[in-house]
N, C-alpha and C. Protein backbone atom coordinates (compact mmCIF):
# COMPACT_ATOMS: atom_id res chain seq x y z
N MET A 1 0.18 78.79 -9.04
CA MET A 1 0.47 77.78 -8.01
C MET A 1 0.82 76.45 -8.68
N ALA A 2 -0.09 75.97 -9.53
CA ALA A 2 0.17 74.69 -10.21
C ALA A 2 1.35 74.82 -11.17
N ILE A 3 1.45 75.98 -11.82
CA ILE A 3 2.54 76.19 -12.78
C ILE A 3 3.87 76.25 -12.05
N GLU A 4 3.89 76.91 -10.88
CA GLU A 4 5.12 76.97 -10.09
C GLU A 4 5.56 75.56 -9.71
N ARG A 5 4.62 74.74 -9.27
CA ARG A 5 4.92 73.37 -8.87
C ARG A 5 5.47 72.60 -10.07
N LEU A 6 4.84 72.80 -11.23
CA LEU A 6 5.28 72.13 -12.46
C LEU A 6 6.71 72.54 -12.81
N ASN A 7 7.03 73.83 -12.64
CA ASN A 7 8.38 74.31 -12.92
C ASN A 7 9.40 73.66 -12.00
N VAL A 8 9.04 73.52 -10.73
CA VAL A 8 9.95 72.88 -9.77
C VAL A 8 10.20 71.44 -10.18
N ILE A 9 9.11 70.73 -10.52
CA ILE A 9 9.23 69.33 -10.92
C ILE A 9 10.09 69.21 -12.18
N THR A 10 9.83 70.07 -13.18
CA THR A 10 10.61 69.98 -14.43
C THR A 10 12.07 70.29 -14.18
N SER A 11 12.37 71.27 -13.32
CA SER A 11 13.77 71.59 -13.07
C SER A 11 14.47 70.44 -12.37
N ARG A 12 13.76 69.76 -11.46
CA ARG A 12 14.34 68.58 -10.81
C ARG A 12 14.59 67.49 -11.85
N MET A 13 13.63 67.30 -12.75
CA MET A 13 13.78 66.27 -13.78
C MET A 13 14.91 66.63 -14.73
N THR A 14 15.08 67.91 -15.02
CA THR A 14 16.18 68.34 -15.89
C THR A 14 17.50 67.91 -15.28
N ASN A 15 17.64 68.13 -13.98
CA ASN A 15 18.86 67.73 -13.30
C ASN A 15 19.05 66.22 -13.38
N ASP A 16 17.98 65.46 -13.13
CA ASP A 16 18.06 64.00 -13.19
C ASP A 16 18.47 63.54 -14.57
N VAL A 17 17.78 64.07 -15.60
CA VAL A 17 18.04 63.64 -16.97
C VAL A 17 19.46 64.01 -17.39
N SER A 18 19.90 65.22 -17.03
CA SER A 18 21.24 65.66 -17.45
C SER A 18 22.32 64.83 -16.77
N ILE A 19 22.03 64.32 -15.56
CA ILE A 19 23.01 63.45 -14.90
C ILE A 19 23.10 62.13 -15.67
N TYR A 20 21.94 61.58 -16.07
CA TYR A 20 21.94 60.28 -16.74
C TYR A 20 22.43 60.39 -18.18
N SER A 21 22.13 61.50 -18.84
CA SER A 21 22.45 61.62 -20.26
C SER A 21 23.45 62.73 -20.49
N ARG A 22 24.63 62.37 -21.00
CA ARG A 22 25.66 63.38 -21.29
C ARG A 22 25.33 64.09 -22.60
N ASN A 23 24.59 63.41 -23.47
CA ASN A 23 24.27 63.96 -24.79
C ASN A 23 23.09 64.93 -24.66
N SER A 24 23.31 66.19 -25.02
CA SER A 24 22.28 67.21 -24.81
C SER A 24 21.03 66.97 -25.66
N THR A 25 21.20 66.37 -26.85
CA THR A 25 20.04 66.12 -27.71
C THR A 25 19.13 65.09 -27.06
N ASN A 26 19.72 64.00 -26.59
CA ASN A 26 18.92 62.98 -25.89
C ASN A 26 18.25 63.58 -24.67
N CYS A 27 18.97 64.44 -23.99
CA CYS A 27 18.43 65.09 -22.79
C CYS A 27 17.21 65.92 -23.16
N ARG A 28 17.31 66.68 -24.24
CA ARG A 28 16.19 67.53 -24.66
C ARG A 28 14.99 66.70 -25.06
N ILE A 29 15.24 65.61 -25.79
CA ILE A 29 14.13 64.75 -26.24
C ILE A 29 13.43 64.14 -25.02
N ALA A 30 14.23 63.63 -24.09
CA ALA A 30 13.67 63.01 -22.88
C ALA A 30 12.84 64.03 -22.10
N LEU A 31 13.39 65.23 -21.96
CA LEU A 31 12.68 66.29 -21.23
C LEU A 31 11.37 66.64 -21.91
N MET A 32 11.40 66.72 -23.24
CA MET A 32 10.20 67.06 -23.99
C MET A 32 9.12 66.01 -23.75
N LEU A 33 9.51 64.74 -23.82
CA LEU A 33 8.55 63.66 -23.60
C LEU A 33 7.98 63.70 -22.18
N ILE A 34 8.87 63.93 -21.20
CA ILE A 34 8.43 64.02 -19.81
C ILE A 34 7.44 65.17 -19.64
N THR A 35 7.78 66.32 -20.21
CA THR A 35 6.92 67.50 -20.07
C THR A 35 5.56 67.26 -20.70
N VAL A 36 5.54 66.68 -21.89
CA VAL A 36 4.26 66.39 -22.58
C VAL A 36 3.43 65.44 -21.73
N ASN A 37 4.09 64.40 -21.18
CA ASN A 37 3.37 63.44 -20.35
C ASN A 37 2.82 64.08 -19.08
N MET A 38 3.48 65.13 -18.60
CA MET A 38 3.00 65.81 -17.40
C MET A 38 1.88 66.79 -17.71
N ILE A 39 2.01 67.51 -18.82
CA ILE A 39 1.06 68.58 -19.13
C ILE A 39 -0.27 68.02 -19.65
N MET A 40 -0.22 66.99 -20.49
CA MET A 40 -1.44 66.48 -21.09
C MET A 40 -2.47 65.99 -20.06
N PRO A 41 -2.07 65.15 -19.07
CA PRO A 41 -3.07 64.74 -18.08
C PRO A 41 -3.67 65.93 -17.33
N ALA A 42 -2.84 66.93 -17.03
CA ALA A 42 -3.34 68.13 -16.34
C ALA A 42 -4.37 68.83 -17.21
N TYR A 43 -4.10 68.94 -18.51
CA TYR A 43 -5.02 69.59 -19.45
C TYR A 43 -6.33 68.81 -19.51
N ILE A 44 -6.23 67.48 -19.56
CA ILE A 44 -7.43 66.64 -19.64
C ILE A 44 -8.27 66.82 -18.38
N ILE A 45 -7.62 66.87 -17.20
CA ILE A 45 -8.34 67.06 -15.94
C ILE A 45 -9.07 68.39 -15.96
N VAL A 46 -8.40 69.45 -16.42
CA VAL A 46 -9.02 70.78 -16.48
C VAL A 46 -10.23 70.76 -17.39
N GLU A 47 -10.10 70.12 -18.56
CA GLU A 47 -11.23 70.04 -19.50
C GLU A 47 -12.40 69.29 -18.88
N ASN A 48 -12.12 68.20 -18.15
CA ASN A 48 -13.18 67.44 -17.49
C ASN A 48 -13.89 68.29 -16.45
N GLU A 49 -13.11 69.05 -15.68
CA GLU A 49 -13.70 69.93 -14.67
C GLU A 49 -14.62 70.95 -15.33
N LYS A 50 -14.19 71.52 -16.46
CA LYS A 50 -15.01 72.51 -17.17
C LYS A 50 -16.33 71.89 -17.59
N SER A 51 -16.28 70.68 -18.18
CA SER A 51 -17.51 70.06 -18.67
C SER A 51 -18.42 69.69 -17.50
N ASN A 52 -17.85 69.26 -16.37
CA ASN A 52 -18.67 68.95 -15.20
C ASN A 52 -19.38 70.19 -14.69
N ILE A 53 -18.67 71.31 -14.67
CA ILE A 53 -19.28 72.57 -14.21
C ILE A 53 -20.41 72.97 -15.15
N GLU A 54 -20.18 72.82 -16.46
CA GLU A 54 -21.21 73.18 -17.44
C GLU A 54 -22.45 72.31 -17.25
N TYR A 55 -22.24 71.00 -17.05
CA TYR A 55 -23.38 70.11 -16.85
C TYR A 55 -24.17 70.49 -15.61
N SER A 56 -23.45 70.69 -14.50
CA SER A 56 -24.15 70.95 -13.24
C SER A 56 -24.85 72.30 -13.27
N SER A 57 -24.27 73.28 -13.98
CA SER A 57 -24.91 74.59 -14.02
C SER A 57 -26.15 74.58 -14.91
N SER A 58 -26.20 73.65 -15.87
CA SER A 58 -27.37 73.60 -16.75
C SER A 58 -28.45 72.68 -16.18
N GLY A 59 -28.21 72.12 -14.99
CA GLY A 59 -29.23 71.33 -14.33
C GLY A 59 -29.16 69.85 -14.64
N LYS A 60 -28.27 69.45 -15.55
CA LYS A 60 -28.14 68.03 -15.87
C LYS A 60 -27.22 67.36 -14.85
N SER A 61 -27.26 66.04 -14.83
CA SER A 61 -26.37 65.30 -13.92
C SER A 61 -24.94 65.37 -14.45
N ALA A 62 -23.99 65.45 -13.54
CA ALA A 62 -22.59 65.54 -13.94
C ALA A 62 -22.04 64.17 -14.31
N PHE A 63 -22.82 63.11 -14.07
CA PHE A 63 -22.32 61.76 -14.35
C PHE A 63 -22.99 61.17 -15.58
C-alpha cells in the first residue's frame, strides 16, 4: 500500500523533473535526491514505531 503510493508519487515527480530538465543526467540526480529524501523519513518513522512497540511490550513507558 505505502510502496504503491510511493511509486505513484515518484512517477509523478519523474514527469515533473523531466519536463524541467532536458538533461537526463541532471534528471537522474534530482530524482535520486528526491527519492532519498522521501524514503529516509519513512524509514525513520518505521524504526521509531518498532522501538515504541518494544518499549510498550516490555512494560516500560514509550516516552
